[in-house]
């Protein structure tokens, strides 16, 4: 399992919304799934439409298996904060 030392805002995660750089947020964790897009059984569109929002409900509704849940942990890069980062002065 990845260490969750990196903290991201939803705004930061939402910036990573292309095929080359795709992050999704599920259960408060941030996943970089860029390398997995072509392998995702549901197609890359499912993951690309999950960027920029909390995709927990969609993930749960899809009925992912235990092995899918274990696989996704290797893509975990940090966790989400609900605080906004301050603007630099």
PDB file of N, CA and C in Angstrom:
ATOM      1  N   UNK A   1       0.844  -1.188   0.000  1.00  0.00           N
ATOM      2  CA  UNK A   1       0.000   0.000   0.000  1.00  0.00           C
ATOM      3  C   UNK A   1       0.881   1.240   0.000  1.00  0.00           C
ATOM      4  N   UNK A   2       0.485   2.235  -0.702  1.00  0.00           N
ATOM      5  CA  UNK A   2       1.252   3.483  -0.795  1.00  0.00           C
ATOM      6  C   UNK A   2       1.205   4.229   0.527  1.00  0.00           C
ATOM      7  N   UNK A   3       2.279   4.968   0.797  1.00  0.00           N
ATOM      8  CA  UNK A   3       2.235   5.842   1.961  1.00  0.00           C
ATOM      9  C   UNK A   3       1.413   7.058   1.589  1.00  0.00           C
ATOM     10  N   UNK A   4       0.631   7.517   2.518  1.00  0.00           N
ATOM     11  CA  UNK A   4      -0.276   8.621   2.229  1.00  0.00           C
ATOM     12  C   UNK A   4       0.254   9.925   2.788  1.00  0.00           C
ATOM     13  N   UNK A   5       1.540  10.175   2.580  1.00  0.00           N
ATOM     14  CA  UNK A   5       2.141  11.391   3.115  1.00  0.00           C
ATOM     15  C   UNK A   5       1.819  12.614   2.262  1.00  0.00           C
ATOM     16  N   UNK A   6       1.518  12.413   1.003  1.00  0.00           N
ATOM     17  CA  UNK A   6       1.175  13.539   0.137  1.00  0.00           C
ATOM     18  C   UNK A   6      -0.287  13.918   0.349  1.00  0.00           C
ATOM     19  N   UNK A   7      -0.520  15.216   0.482  1.00  0.00           N
ATOM     20  CA  UNK A   7      -1.865  15.742   0.691  1.00  0.00           C
ATOM     21  C   UNK A   7      -2.220  16.622  -0.508  1.00  0.00           C
ATOM     22  N   UNK A   8      -3.397  16.393  -1.079  1.00  0.00           N
ATOM     23  CA  UNK A   8      -3.845  17.154  -2.240  1.00  0.00           C
ATOM     24  C   UNK A   8      -5.220  17.752  -1.970  1.00  0.00           C
ATOM     25  N   UNK A   9      -5.509  18.840  -2.650  1.00  0.00           N
ATOM     26  CA  UNK A   9      -6.859  19.395  -2.636  1.00  0.00           C
ATOM     27  C   UNK A   9      -7.608  18.840  -3.845  1.00  0.00           C
ATOM     28  N   UNK A  10      -8.919  18.943  -3.822  1.00  0.00           N
ATOM     29  CA  UNK A  10      -9.704  18.518  -4.975  1.00  0.00           C
ATOM     30  C   UNK A  10      -9.354  19.373  -6.185  1.00  0.00           C
ATOM     31  N   UNK A  11      -9.061  20.645  -5.939  1.00  0.00           N
ATOM     32  CA  UNK A  11      -8.683  21.531  -7.042  1.00  0.00           C
ATOM     33  C   UNK A  11      -7.407  21.040  -7.721  1.00  0.00           C
ATOM     34  N   UNK A  12      -6.439  20.586  -6.927  1.00  0.00           N
ATOM     35  CA  UNK A  12      -5.198  20.052  -7.504  1.00  0.00           C
ATOM     36  C   UNK A  12      -5.476  18.773  -8.285  1.00  0.00           C
ATOM     37  N   UNK A  13      -6.243  17.886  -7.695  1.00  0.00           N
ATOM     38  CA  UNK A  13      -6.555  16.623  -8.364  1.00  0.00           C
ATOM     39  C   UNK A  13      -7.289  16.867  -9.680  1.00  0.00           C
ATOM     40  N   UNK A  14      -8.160  17.859  -9.709  1.00  0.00           N
ATOM     41  CA  UNK A  14      -8.950  18.153 -10.908  1.00  0.00           C
ATOM     42  C   UNK A  14      -8.095  18.634 -12.074  1.00  0.00           C
ATOM     43  N   UNK A  15      -6.914  19.161 -11.791  1.00  0.00           N
ATOM     44  CA  UNK A  15      -6.029  19.629 -12.863  1.00  0.00           C
ATOM     45  C   UNK A  15      -5.440  18.477 -13.669  1.00  0.00           C
ATOM     46  N   UNK A  16      -5.488  17.289 -13.126  1.00  0.00           N
ATOM     47  CA  UNK A  16      -4.902  16.109 -13.768  1.00  0.00           C
ATOM     48  C   UNK A  16      -6.025  15.327 -14.442  1.00  0.00           C
ATOM     49  N   UNK A  17      -6.438  15.816 -15.604  1.00  0.00           N
ATOM     50  CA  UNK A  17      -7.660  15.306 -16.231  1.00  0.00           C
ATOM     51  C   UNK A  17      -7.500  14.970 -17.709  1.00  0.00           C
ATOM     52  N   UNK A  18      -6.312  14.518 -18.077  1.00  0.00           N
ATOM     53  CA  UNK A  18      -6.073  14.125 -19.465  1.00  0.00           C
ATOM     54  C   UNK A  18      -5.635  12.665 -19.517  1.00  0.00           C
ATOM     55  N   UNK A  19      -5.591  12.107 -20.718  1.00  0.00           N
ATOM     56  CA  UNK A  19      -5.137  10.724 -20.872  1.00  0.00           C
ATOM     57  C   UNK A  19      -3.692  10.550 -20.421  1.00  0.00           C
ATOM     58  N   UNK A  20      -2.904  11.601 -20.549  1.00  0.00           N
ATOM     59  CA  UNK A  20      -1.496  11.518 -20.172  1.00  0.00           C
ATOM     60  C   UNK A  20      -1.287  11.751 -18.681  1.00  0.00           C
ATOM     61  N   UNK A  21      -2.274  12.315 -18.016  1.00  0.00           N
ATOM     62  CA  UNK A  21      -2.136  12.726 -16.616  1.00  0.00           C
ATOM     63  C   UNK A  21      -3.518  12.694 -15.960  1.00  0.00           C
ATOM     64  N   UNK A  22      -3.917  11.521 -15.472  1.00  0.00           N
ATOM     65  CA  UNK A  22      -5.285  11.317 -14.988  1.00  0.00           C
ATOM     66  C   UNK A  22      -5.293  10.872 -13.530  1.00  0.00           C
ATOM     67  N   UNK A  23      -5.863  11.726 -12.682  1.00  0.00           N
ATOM     68  CA  UNK A  23      -6.019  11.403 -11.264  1.00  0.00           C
ATOM     69  C   UNK A  23      -7.497  11.260 -10.939  1.00  0.00           C
ATOM     70  N   UNK A  24      -7.812  10.297 -10.073  1.00  0.00           N
ATOM     71  CA  UNK A  24      -9.171  10.148  -9.564  1.00  0.00           C
ATOM     72  C   UNK A  24      -9.133  10.102  -8.037  1.00  0.00           C
ATOM     73  N   UNK A  25     -10.232  10.500  -7.422  1.00  0.00           N
ATOM     74  CA  UNK A  25     -10.353  10.512  -5.964  1.00  0.00           C
ATOM     75  C   UNK A  25     -11.446   9.530  -5.563  1.00  0.00           C
ATOM     76  N   UNK A  26     -11.064   8.576  -4.702  1.00  0.00           N
ATOM     77  CA  UNK A  26     -12.004   7.572  -4.210  1.00  0.00           C
ATOM     78  C   UNK A  26     -11.747   7.370  -2.724  1.00  0.00           C
ATOM     79  N   UNK A  27     -12.788   7.462  -1.938  1.00  0.00           N
ATOM     80  CA  UNK A  27     -12.691   7.275  -0.482  1.00  0.00           C
ATOM     81  C   UNK A  27     -11.602   8.130   0.153  1.00  0.00           C
ATOM     82  N   UNK A  28     -11.464   9.360  -0.325  1.00  0.00           N
ATOM     83  CA  UNK A  28     -10.503  10.279   0.269  1.00  0.00           C
ATOM     84  C   UNK A  28      -9.061  10.052  -0.135  1.00  0.00           C
ATOM     85  N   UNK A  29      -8.826   9.109  -1.034  1.00  0.00           N
ATOM     86  CA  UNK A  29      -7.477   8.849  -1.533  1.00  0.00           C
ATOM     87  C   UNK A  29      -7.371   9.329  -2.975  1.00  0.00           C
ATOM     88  N   UNK A  30      -6.170   9.748  -3.355  1.00  0.00           N
ATOM     89  CA  UNK A  30      -5.915  10.242  -4.707  1.00  0.00           C
ATOM     90  C   UNK A  30      -5.106   9.183  -5.455  1.00  0.00           C
ATOM     91  N   UNK A  31      -5.576   8.837  -6.637  1.00  0.00           N
ATOM     92  CA  UNK A  31      -4.941   7.806  -7.454  1.00  0.00           C
ATOM     93  C   UNK A  31      -4.517   8.391  -8.794  1.00  0.00           C
ATOM     94  N   UNK A  32      -3.273   8.119  -9.187  1.00  0.00           N
ATOM     95  CA  UNK A  32      -2.802   8.477 -10.526  1.00  0.00           C
ATOM     96  C   UNK A  32      -2.988   7.242 -11.394  1.00  0.00           C
ATOM     97  N   UNK A  33      -4.039   7.235 -12.191  1.00  0.00           N
ATOM     98  CA  UNK A  33      -4.383   6.068 -13.003  1.00  0.00           C
ATOM     99  C   UNK A  33      -3.964   6.228 -14.466  1.00  0.00           C
ATOM    100  N   UNK A  34      -3.095   7.177 -14.727  1.00  0.00           N
ATOM    101  CA  UNK A  34      -2.660   7.449 -16.107  1.00  0.00           C
ATOM    102  C   UNK A  34      -2.154   6.190 -16.801  1.00  0.00           C
ATOM    103  N   UNK A  35      -1.341   5.409 -16.116  1.00  0.00           N
ATOM    104  CA  UNK A  35      -0.743   4.216 -16.714  1.00  0.00           C
ATOM    105  C   UNK A  35      -1.745   3.071 -16.848  1.00  0.00           C
ATOM    106  N   UNK A  36      -2.902   3.194 -16.233  1.00  0.00           N
ATOM    107  CA  UNK A  36      -3.896   2.121 -16.231  1.00  0.00           C
ATOM    108  C   UNK A  36      -5.058   2.367 -17.194  1.00  0.00           C
ATOM    109  N   UNK A  37      -5.119   3.545 -17.777  1.00  0.00           N
ATOM    110  CA  UNK A  37      -6.267   3.894 -18.623  1.00  0.00           C
ATOM    111  C   UNK A  37      -6.544   2.862 -19.713  1.00  0.00           C
ATOM    112  N   UNK A  38      -5.508   2.444 -20.433  1.00  0.00           N
ATOM    113  CA  UNK A  38      -5.706   1.511 -21.544  1.00  0.00           C
ATOM    114  C   UNK A  38      -6.063   0.103 -21.077  1.00  0.00           C
ATOM    115  N   UNK A  39      -5.799  -0.207 -19.810  1.00  0.00           N
ATOM    116  CA  UNK A  39      -6.064  -1.542 -19.285  1.00  0.00           C
ATOM    117  C   UNK A  39      -7.388  -1.640 -18.530  1.00  0.00           C
ATOM    118  N   UNK A  40      -7.993  -0.515 -18.196  1.00  0.00           N
ATOM    119  CA  UNK A  40      -9.219  -0.540 -17.392  1.00  0.00           C
ATOM    120  C   UNK A  40     -10.321  -1.285 -18.143  1.00  0.00           C
ATOM    121  N   UNK A  41     -10.891  -2.330 -17.531  1.00  0.00           N
ATOM    122  CA  UNK A  41     -11.911  -3.132 -18.222  1.00  0.00           C
ATOM    123  C   UNK A  41     -13.134  -2.334 -18.666  1.00  0.00           C
ATOM    124  N   UNK A  42     -13.453  -1.252 -17.973  1.00  0.00           N
ATOM    125  CA  UNK A  42     -14.611  -0.442 -18.340  1.00  0.00           C
ATOM    126  C   UNK A  42     -14.301   0.629 -19.364  1.00  0.00           C
ATOM    127  N   UNK A  43     -13.047   0.683 -19.824  1.00  0.00           N
ATOM    128  CA  UNK A  43     -12.632   1.689 -20.792  1.00  0.00           C
ATOM    129  C   UNK A  43     -12.089   2.936 -20.127  1.00  0.00           C
ATOM    130  N   UNK A  44     -11.305   3.693 -20.865  1.00  0.00           N
ATOM    131  CA  UNK A  44     -10.676   4.885 -20.293  1.00  0.00           C
ATOM    132  C   UNK A  44     -11.670   6.011 -20.034  1.00  0.00           C
ATOM    133  N   UNK A  45     -12.774   6.048 -20.779  1.00  0.00           N
ATOM    134  CA  UNK A  45     -13.765   7.115 -20.579  1.00  0.00           C
ATOM    135  C   UNK A  45     -14.325   7.121 -19.159  1.00  0.00           C
ATOM    136  N   UNK A  46     -14.480   5.940 -18.583  1.00  0.00           N
ATOM    137  CA  UNK A  46     -15.008   5.837 -17.219  1.00  0.00           C
ATOM    138  C   UNK A  46     -14.091   6.574 -16.250  1.00  0.00           C
ATOM    139  N   UNK A  47     -12.796   6.363 -16.387  1.00  0.00           N
ATOM    140  CA  UNK A  47     -11.841   7.018 -15.497  1.00  0.00           C
ATOM    141  C   UNK A  47     -11.710   8.500 -15.819  1.00  0.00           C
ATOM    142  N   UNK A  48     -11.685   8.843 -17.083  1.00  0.00           N
ATOM    143  CA  UNK A  48     -11.539  10.253 -17.461  1.00  0.00           C
ATOM    144  C   UNK A  48     -12.723  11.093 -16.987  1.00  0.00           C
ATOM    145  N   UNK A  49     -13.914  10.529 -16.984  1.00  0.00           N
ATOM    146  CA  UNK A  49     -15.067  11.290 -16.500  1.00  0.00           C
ATOM    147  C   UNK A  49     -15.108  11.364 -14.976  1.00  0.00           C
ATOM    148  N   UNK A  50     -14.261  10.584 -14.309  1.00  0.00           N
ATOM    149  CA  UNK A  50     -14.219  10.593 -12.844  1.00  0.00           C
ATOM    150  C   UNK A  50     -13.266  11.653 -12.295  1.00  0.00           C
ATOM    151  N   UNK A  51     -12.532  12.338 -13.155  1.00  0.00           N
ATOM    152  CA  UNK A  51     -11.587  13.343 -12.665  1.00  0.00           C
ATOM    153  C   UNK A  51     -12.326  14.589 -12.198  1.00  0.00           C
ATOM    154  N   UNK A  52     -11.711  15.264 -11.216  1.00  0.00           N
ATOM    155  CA  UNK A  52     -12.255  16.543 -10.772  1.00  0.00           C
ATOM    156  C   UNK A  52     -13.409  16.463  -9.799  1.00  0.00           C
ATOM    157  N   UNK A  53     -13.725  15.254  -9.328  1.00  0.00           N
ATOM    158  CA  UNK A  53     -14.800  15.098  -8.356  1.00  0.00           C
ATOM    159  C   UNK A  53     -14.517  13.858  -7.516  1.00  0.00           C
ATOM    160  N   UNK A  54     -15.287  13.694  -6.465  1.00  0.00           N
ATOM    161  CA  UNK A  54     -15.194  12.486  -5.658  1.00  0.00           C
ATOM    162  C   UNK A  54     -15.939  11.386  -6.407  1.00  0.00           C
ATOM    163  N   UNK A  55     -15.224  10.367  -6.836  1.00  0.00           N
ATOM    164  CA  UNK A  55     -15.813   9.298  -7.640  1.00  0.00           C
ATOM    165  C   UNK A  55     -16.134   8.057  -6.810  1.00  0.00           C
ATOM    166  N   UNK A  56     -16.218   8.216  -5.500  1.00  0.00           N
ATOM    167  CA  UNK A  56     -16.460   7.078  -4.618  1.00  0.00           C
ATOM    168  C   UNK A  56     -17.763   6.361  -4.962  1.00  0.00           C
ATOM    169  N   UNK A  57     -18.842   7.093  -5.131  1.00  0.00           N
ATOM    170  CA  UNK A  57     -20.135   6.456  -5.420  1.00  0.00           C
ATOM    171  C   UNK A  57     -20.095   5.668  -6.721  1.00  0.00           C
ATOM    172  N   UNK A  58     -19.501   6.248  -7.756  1.00  0.00           N
ATOM    173  CA  UNK A  58     -19.404   5.554  -9.042  1.00  0.00           C
ATOM    174  C   UNK A  58     -18.569   4.286  -8.907  1.00  0.00           C
ATOM    175  N   UNK A  59     -17.474   4.379  -8.145  1.00  0.00           N
ATOM    176  CA  UNK A  59     -16.608   3.224  -7.927  1.00  0.00           C
ATOM    177  C   UNK A  59     -17.377   2.116  -7.211  1.00  0.00           C
ATOM    178  N   UNK A  60     -18.088   2.468  -6.161  1.00  0.00           N
ATOM    179  CA  UNK A  60     -18.853   1.476  -5.399  1.00  0.00           C
ATOM    180  C   UNK A  60     -19.988   0.893  -6.239  1.00  0.00           C
ATOM    181  N   UNK A  61     -20.655   1.722  -7.018  1.00  0.00           N
ATOM    182  CA  UNK A  61     -21.766   1.254  -7.849  1.00  0.00           C
ATOM    183  C   UNK A  61     -21.316   0.256  -8.915  1.00  0.00           C
ATOM    184  N   UNK A  62     -20.056   0.333  -9.322  1.00  0.00           N
ATOM    185  CA  UNK A  62     -19.546  -0.556 -10.368  1.00  0.00           C
ATOM    186  C   UNK A  62     -19.315  -1.976  -9.857  1.00  0.00           C
ATOM    187  N   UNK A  63     -19.313  -2.162  -8.541  1.00  0.00           N
ATOM    188  CA  UNK A  63     -19.162  -3.506  -7.985  1.00  0.00           C
ATOM    189  C   UNK A  63     -17.785  -4.104  -8.198  1.00  0.00           C
ATOM    190  N   UNK A  64     -16.746  -3.333  -7.948  1.00  0.00           N
ATOM    191  CA  UNK A  64     -15.376  -3.821  -8.142  1.00  0.00           C
ATOM    192  C   UNK A  64     -15.056  -5.000  -7.221  1.00  0.00           C
ATOM    193  N   UNK A  65     -14.277  -5.926  -7.748  1.00  0.00           N
ATOM    194  CA  UNK A  65     -13.876  -7.114  -6.998  1.00  0.00           C
ATOM    195  C   UNK A  65     -12.789  -6.773  -5.980  1.00  0.00           C
ATOM    196  N   UNK A  66     -12.519  -7.728  -5.106  1.00  0.00           N
ATOM    197  CA  UNK A  66     -11.449  -7.555  -4.120  1.00  0.00           C
ATOM    198  C   UNK A  66     -10.107  -7.371  -4.834  1.00  0.00           C
ATOM    199  N   UNK A  67      -9.873  -8.131  -5.886  1.00  0.00           N
ATOM    200  CA  UNK A  67      -8.599  -8.013  -6.606  1.00  0.00           C
ATOM    201  C   UNK A  67      -8.476  -6.651  -7.286  1.00  0.00           C
ATOM    202  N   UNK A  68      -9.580  -6.099  -7.772  1.00  0.00           N
ATOM    203  CA  UNK A  68      -9.544  -4.760  -8.376  1.00  0.00           C
ATOM    204  C   UNK A  68      -9.205  -3.718  -7.320  1.00  0.00           C
ATOM    205  N   UNK A  69      -9.774  -3.881  -6.128  1.00  0.00           N
ATOM    206  CA  UNK A  69      -9.491  -2.949  -5.032  1.00  0.00           C
ATOM    207  C   UNK A  69      -8.024  -3.033  -4.608  1.00  0.00           C
ATOM    208  N   UNK A  70      -7.484  -4.236  -4.596  1.00  0.00           N
ATOM    209  CA  UNK A  70      -6.072  -4.410  -4.248  1.00  0.00           C
ATOM    210  C   UNK A  70      -5.175  -3.809  -5.329  1.00  0.00           C
ATOM    211  N   UNK A  71      -5.532  -4.013  -6.586  1.00  0.00           N
ATOM    212  CA  UNK A  71      -4.754  -3.478  -7.703  1.00  0.00           C
ATOM    213  C   UNK A  71      -4.691  -1.963  -7.659  1.00  0.00           C
ATOM    214  N   UNK A  72      -5.786  -1.321  -7.342  1.00  0.00           N
ATOM    215  CA  UNK A  72      -5.812   0.143  -7.368  1.00  0.00           C
ATOM    216  C   UNK A  72      -4.879   0.767  -6.338  1.00  0.00           C
ATOM    217  N   UNK A  73      -4.554   0.045  -5.277  1.00  0.00           N
ATOM    218  CA  UNK A  73      -3.688   0.609  -4.244  1.00  0.00           C
ATOM    219  C   UNK A  73      -2.298   0.941  -4.781  1.00  0.00           C
ATOM    220  N   UNK A  74      -1.857   0.247  -5.821  1.00  0.00           N
ATOM    221  CA  UNK A  74      -0.530   0.563  -6.363  1.00  0.00           C
ATOM    222  C   UNK A  74      -0.517   1.900  -7.102  1.00  0.00           C
ATOM    223  N   UNK A  75      -1.698   2.449  -7.387  1.00  0.00           N
ATOM    224  CA  UNK A  75      -1.797   3.743  -8.054  1.00  0.00           C
ATOM    225  C   UNK A  75      -2.060   4.894  -7.080  1.00  0.00           C
ATOM    226  N   UNK A  76      -2.171   4.572  -5.788  1.00  0.00           N
ATOM    227  CA  UNK A  76      -2.455   5.593  -4.780  1.00  0.00           C
ATOM    228  C   UNK A  76      -1.225   6.481  -4.582  1.00  0.00           C
ATOM    229  N   UNK A  77      -1.427   7.798  -4.693  1.00  0.00           N
ATOM    230  CA  UNK A  77      -0.309   8.741  -4.563  1.00  0.00           C
ATOM    231  C   UNK A  77      -0.461   9.671  -3.366  1.00  0.00           C
ATOM    232  N   UNK A  78      -1.583   9.610  -2.677  1.00  0.00           N
ATOM    233  CA  UNK A  78      -1.774  10.484  -1.524  1.00  0.00           C
ATOM    234  C   UNK A  78      -3.217  10.499  -1.080  1.00  0.00           C
ATOM    235  N   UNK A  79      -3.521  11.481  -0.254  1.00  0.00           N
ATOM    236  CA  UNK A  79      -4.898  11.593   0.231  1.00  0.00           C
ATOM    237  C   UNK A  79      -5.412  13.005   0.015  1.00  0.00           C
ATOM    238  N   UNK A  80      -6.698  13.114   0.111  1.00  0.00           N
ATOM    239  CA  UNK A  80      -7.380  14.374  -0.154  1.00  0.00           C
ATOM    240  C   UNK A  80      -7.587  15.145   1.142  1.00  0.00           C
ATOM    241  N   UNK A  81      -7.440  16.446   1.058  1.00  0.00           N
ATOM    242  CA  UNK A  81      -7.819  17.314   2.162  1.00  0.00           C
ATOM    243  C   UNK A  81      -9.016  18.132   1.717  1.00  0.00           C
ATOM    244  N   UNK A  82      -9.848  18.514   2.651  1.00  0.00           N
ATOM    245  CA  UNK A  82     -10.965  19.380   2.268  1.00  0.00           C
ATOM    246  C   UNK A  82     -10.629  20.834   2.540  1.00  0.00           C
ATOM    247  N   UNK A  83      -9.382  21.098   2.872  1.00  0.00           N
ATOM    248  CA  UNK A  83      -8.930  22.473   3.070  1.00  0.00           C
ATOM    249  C   UNK A  83      -8.311  22.989   1.783  1.00  0.00           C
ATOM    250  N   UNK A  84      -8.474  24.256   1.539  1.00  0.00           N
ATOM    251  CA  UNK A  84      -7.826  24.872   0.377  1.00  0.00           C
ATOM    252  C   UNK A  84      -6.420  25.285   0.769  1.00  0.00           C
ATOM    253  N   UNK A  85      -5.488  25.100  -0.150  1.00  0.00           N
ATOM    254  CA  UNK A  85      -4.134  25.565   0.108  1.00  0.00           C
ATOM    255  C   UNK A  85      -4.103  27.077  -0.039  1.00  0.00           C
ATOM    256  N   UNK A  86      -3.372  27.750   0.836  1.00  0.00           N
ATOM    257  CA  UNK A  86      -3.327  29.216   0.743  1.00  0.00           C
ATOM    258  C   UNK A  86      -2.597  29.669  -0.513  1.00  0.00           C
ATOM    259  N   UNK A  87      -3.017  30.801  -1.026  1.00  0.00           N
ATOM    260  CA  UNK A  87      -2.335  31.378  -2.178  1.00  0.00           C
ATOM    261  C   UNK A  87      -1.004  31.946  -1.720  1.00  0.00           C
ATOM    262  N   UNK A  88       0.047  31.779  -2.512  1.00  0.00           N
ATOM    263  CA  UNK A  88       1.333  32.381  -2.137  1.00  0.00           C
ATOM    264  C   UNK A  88       1.226  33.904  -2.152  1.00  0.00           C
ATOM    265  N   UNK A  89       1.920  34.524  -1.232  1.00  0.00           N
ATOM    266  CA  UNK A  89       1.862  35.995  -1.154  1.00  0.00           C
ATOM    267  C   UNK A  89       2.940  36.626  -1.993  1.00  0.00           C
TER     268      UNK A  89
END
